[in-house]
Amino acid sequence: MGAFFEAFSVDVWKLGFQIINFLILLYLLNRFMFKPILARLDERSEKISKGLEDAEVAARDRELARDHAQRPPRPPAPC
């Protein structure tokens, strides 16, 4: 395996440190960037789905109000 690295002029120590630095970078990005962004996206998704549910309820209420308004008035009850 050493011949492979020597053929391509690869310094094994530098390669090892680059791998370690890359893993540290991935950890830090995941911890401080990706998780908060994904949490905000989840909050936004929940907010949007709640808004859609509220819109469905409002549409249903509007239909009920329209049906109620289009009904003929009931005659007054005799006394």
N, C-alpha and C. Protein backbone atom coordinates (compact mmCIF):
# COMPACT_ATOMS: atom_id res chain seq x y z
N MET A 1 0.82 -1.19 0.00
CA MET A 1 0.00 0.00 0.00
C MET A 1 0.86 1.26 0.00
N GLY A 2 2.03 1.16 0.61
CA GLY A 2 2.93 2.30 0.64
C GLY A 2 3.38 2.70 -0.76
N ALA A 3 3.52 1.73 -1.64
CA ALA A 3 3.95 2.02 -3.01
C ALA A 3 2.88 2.84 -3.73
N PHE A 4 1.63 2.58 -3.43
CA PHE A 4 0.53 3.32 -4.03
C PHE A 4 0.62 4.80 -3.66
N PHE A 5 0.82 5.07 -2.38
CA PHE A 5 0.90 6.46 -1.93
C PHE A 5 2.14 7.14 -2.48
N GLU A 6 3.24 6.40 -2.56
CA GLU A 6 4.47 6.99 -3.10
C GLU A 6 4.34 7.26 -4.59
N ALA A 7 3.61 6.41 -5.31
CA ALA A 7 3.45 6.60 -6.75
C ALA A 7 2.67 7.88 -7.05
N PHE A 8 1.73 8.23 -6.21
CA PHE A 8 0.91 9.44 -6.41
C PHE A 8 1.37 10.60 -5.53
N SER A 9 2.48 10.48 -4.89
CA SER A 9 3.06 11.51 -4.02
C SER A 9 2.06 11.97 -2.96
N VAL A 10 1.46 11.01 -2.27
CA VAL A 10 0.49 11.32 -1.23
C VAL A 10 1.18 11.19 0.12
N ASP A 11 1.10 12.27 0.90
CA ASP A 11 1.63 12.24 2.26
C ASP A 11 0.54 11.66 3.16
N VAL A 12 0.83 10.53 3.78
CA VAL A 12 -0.17 9.82 4.56
C VAL A 12 -0.61 10.65 5.76
N TRP A 13 0.30 11.37 6.38
CA TRP A 13 -0.05 12.19 7.55
C TRP A 13 -1.00 13.32 7.16
N LYS A 14 -0.70 13.98 6.04
CA LYS A 14 -1.59 15.05 5.58
C LYS A 14 -2.97 14.50 5.23
N LEU A 15 -3.00 13.36 4.58
CA LEU A 15 -4.28 12.74 4.23
C LEU A 15 -5.08 12.41 5.49
N GLY A 16 -4.41 11.87 6.48
CA GLY A 16 -5.08 11.54 7.74
C GLY A 16 -5.64 12.79 8.42
N PHE A 17 -4.84 13.85 8.47
CA PHE A 17 -5.31 15.09 9.09
C PHE A 17 -6.46 15.72 8.29
N GLN A 18 -6.41 15.61 6.98
CA GLN A 18 -7.50 16.14 6.17
C GLN A 18 -8.79 15.38 6.42
N ILE A 19 -8.69 14.07 6.59
CA ILE A 19 -9.88 13.26 6.88
C ILE A 19 -10.44 13.65 8.24
N ILE A 20 -9.56 13.80 9.23
CA ILE A 20 -10.02 14.20 10.57
C ILE A 20 -10.65 15.59 10.54
N ASN A 21 -10.02 16.54 9.84
CA ASN A 21 -10.57 17.89 9.74
C ASN A 21 -11.93 17.88 9.04
N PHE A 22 -12.06 17.08 8.01
CA PHE A 22 -13.33 16.98 7.30
C PHE A 22 -14.42 16.43 8.20
N LEU A 23 -14.10 15.41 9.00
CA LEU A 23 -15.09 14.86 9.92
C LEU A 23 -15.49 15.87 10.99
N ILE A 24 -14.52 16.65 11.47
CA ILE A 24 -14.83 17.71 12.44
C ILE A 24 -15.74 18.76 11.79
N LEU A 25 -15.43 19.13 10.56
CA LEU A 25 -16.26 20.10 9.84
C LEU A 25 -17.69 19.57 9.67
N LEU A 26 -17.84 18.31 9.30
CA LEU A 26 -19.18 17.73 9.17
C LEU A 26 -19.94 17.76 10.49
N TYR A 27 -19.26 17.44 11.57
CA TYR A 27 -19.90 17.48 12.90
C TYR A 27 -20.37 18.89 13.24
N LEU A 28 -19.49 19.87 13.04
CA LEU A 28 -19.83 21.25 13.38
C LEU A 28 -20.97 21.78 12.51
N LEU A 29 -20.93 21.47 11.22
CA LEU A 29 -22.01 21.92 10.34
C LEU A 29 -23.34 21.28 10.74
N ASN A 30 -23.29 20.00 11.07
CA ASN A 30 -24.52 19.31 11.48
C ASN A 30 -25.06 19.90 12.77
N ARG A 31 -24.17 20.15 13.69
CA ARG A 31 -24.60 20.64 15.01
C ARG A 31 -25.13 22.07 14.97
N PHE A 32 -24.44 22.96 14.29
CA PHE A 32 -24.77 24.38 14.36
C PHE A 32 -25.50 24.92 13.14
N MET A 33 -25.60 24.14 12.07
CA MET A 33 -26.23 24.69 10.89
C MET A 33 -27.39 23.83 10.41
N PHE A 34 -27.15 22.56 10.16
CA PHE A 34 -28.19 21.73 9.55
C PHE A 34 -29.35 21.47 10.50
N LYS A 35 -29.09 21.16 11.75
CA LYS A 35 -30.17 20.88 12.69
C LYS A 35 -31.07 22.09 12.92
N PRO A 36 -30.52 23.29 13.15
CA PRO A 36 -31.42 24.45 13.32
C PRO A 36 -32.22 24.76 12.05
N ILE A 37 -31.60 24.61 10.90
CA ILE A 37 -32.33 24.88 9.66
C ILE A 37 -33.45 23.86 9.48
N LEU A 38 -33.17 22.60 9.73
CA LEU A 38 -34.21 21.57 9.60
C LEU A 38 -35.32 21.77 10.62
N ALA A 39 -34.97 22.24 11.82
CA ALA A 39 -36.00 22.52 12.82
C ALA A 39 -36.91 23.65 12.35
N ARG A 40 -36.33 24.69 11.78
CA ARG A 40 -37.14 25.80 11.26
C ARG A 40 -38.02 25.34 10.09
N LEU A 41 -37.49 24.47 9.25
CA LEU A 41 -38.29 23.95 8.14
C LEU A 41 -39.46 23.13 8.66
N ASP A 42 -39.24 22.34 9.71
CA ASP A 42 -40.33 21.57 10.31
C ASP A 42 -41.39 22.48 10.91
N GLU A 43 -40.95 23.55 11.59
CA GLU A 43 -41.90 24.51 12.15
C GLU A 43 -42.73 25.15 11.04
N ARG A 44 -42.08 25.51 9.97
CA ARG A 44 -42.77 26.14 8.84
C ARG A 44 -43.76 25.17 8.21
N SER A 45 -43.37 23.92 8.09
CA SER A 45 -44.26 22.91 7.52
C SER A 45 -45.50 22.73 8.39
N GLU A 46 -45.31 22.71 9.71
CA GLU A 46 -46.46 22.59 10.61
C GLU A 46 -47.37 23.81 10.50
N LYS A 47 -46.76 24.99 10.40
CA LYS A 47 -47.54 26.22 10.28
C LYS A 47 -48.35 26.22 8.98
N ILE A 48 -47.75 25.77 7.91
CA ILE A 48 -48.45 25.72 6.62
C ILE A 48 -49.59 24.71 6.67
N SER A 49 -49.36 23.54 7.25
CA SER A 49 -50.43 22.54 7.32
C SER A 49 -51.57 23.03 8.21
N LYS A 50 -51.25 23.75 9.29
CA LYS A 50 -52.30 24.33 10.14
C LYS A 50 -53.10 25.36 9.36
N GLY A 51 -52.41 26.18 8.58
CA GLY A 51 -53.08 27.17 7.75
C GLY A 51 -54.01 26.52 6.74
N LEU A 52 -53.58 25.41 6.14
CA LEU A 52 -54.43 24.70 5.18
C LEU A 52 -55.66 24.11 5.87
N GLU A 53 -55.47 23.56 7.07
CA GLU A 53 -56.62 23.03 7.81
C GLU A 53 -57.60 24.15 8.16
N ASP A 54 -57.08 25.30 8.58
CA ASP A 54 -57.94 26.44 8.90
C ASP A 54 -58.69 26.91 7.66
N ALA A 55 -58.04 26.88 6.51
CA ALA A 55 -58.70 27.29 5.27
C ALA A 55 -59.84 26.33 4.92
N GLU A 56 -59.63 25.03 5.15
CA GLU A 56 -60.69 24.05 4.89
C GLU A 56 -61.88 24.28 5.82
N VAL A 57 -61.61 24.56 7.08
CA VAL A 57 -62.69 24.83 8.04
C VAL A 57 -63.45 26.10 7.62
N ALA A 58 -62.72 27.13 7.20
CA ALA A 58 -63.36 28.37 6.78
C ALA A 58 -64.23 28.14 5.54
N ALA A 59 -63.74 27.33 4.60
CA ALA A 59 -64.53 27.03 3.41
C ALA A 59 -65.80 26.27 3.77
N ARG A 60 -65.69 25.33 4.70
CA ARG A 60 -66.86 24.58 5.15
C ARG A 60 -67.88 25.50 5.83
N ASP A 61 -67.38 26.39 6.68
CA ASP A 61 -68.27 27.34 7.35
C ASP A 61 -68.93 28.28 6.35
N ARG A 62 -68.19 28.70 5.34
CA ARG A 62 -68.75 29.57 4.32
C ARG A 62 -69.87 28.86 3.56
N GLU A 63 -69.67 27.60 3.23
CA GLU A 63 -70.71 26.82 2.54
C GLU A 63 -71.95 26.67 3.42
N LEU A 64 -71.76 26.41 4.70
CA LEU A 64 -72.90 26.29 5.61
C LEU A 64 -73.65 27.61 5.71
N ALA A 65 -72.93 28.72 5.79
CA ALA A 65 -73.57 30.03 5.87
C ALA A 65 -74.33 30.33 4.58
N ARG A 66 -73.77 29.97 3.44
CA ARG A 66 -74.44 30.19 2.16
C ARG A 66 -75.71 29.35 2.08
N ASP A 67 -75.65 28.10 2.49
CA ASP A 67 -76.84 27.23 2.48
C ASP A 67 -77.91 27.78 3.41
N HIS A 68 -77.50 28.26 4.56
CA HIS A 68 -78.45 28.81 5.53
C HIS A 68 -79.10 30.08 4.97
N ALA A 69 -78.33 30.89 4.26
CA ALA A 69 -78.86 32.14 3.71
C ALA A 69 -79.80 31.88 2.54
N GLN A 70 -79.62 30.78 1.81
CA GLN A 70 -80.43 30.49 0.64
C GLN A 70 -81.72 29.75 0.99
N ARG A 71 -81.84 29.26 2.20
CA ARG A 71 -83.07 28.57 2.60
C ARG A 71 -84.21 29.58 2.66
N PRO A 72 -85.39 29.13 2.27
CA PRO A 72 -86.54 30.04 2.41
C PRO A 72 -86.86 30.24 3.89
N PRO A 73 -87.31 31.42 4.24
CA PRO A 73 -87.62 31.66 5.66
C PRO A 73 -88.79 30.79 6.11
N ARG A 74 -88.73 30.35 7.35
CA ARG A 74 -89.82 29.54 7.90
C ARG A 74 -90.98 30.45 8.27
N PRO A 75 -92.17 29.96 8.07
CA PRO A 75 -93.31 30.79 8.46
C PRO A 75 -93.36 30.90 9.98
N PRO A 76 -93.87 32.00 10.49
CA PRO A 76 -93.94 32.17 11.94
C PRO A 76 -94.87 31.12 12.55
N ALA A 77 -94.52 30.69 13.73
CA ALA A 77 -95.31 29.68 14.46
C ALA A 77 -96.61 30.34 14.98
N PRO A 78 -97.76 29.63 14.85
CA PRO A 78 -99.00 30.21 15.37
C PRO A 78 -98.98 30.26 16.90
N CYS A 79 -99.60 31.28 17.41
CA CYS A 79 -99.62 31.47 18.87
C CYS A 79 -100.78 30.78 19.48
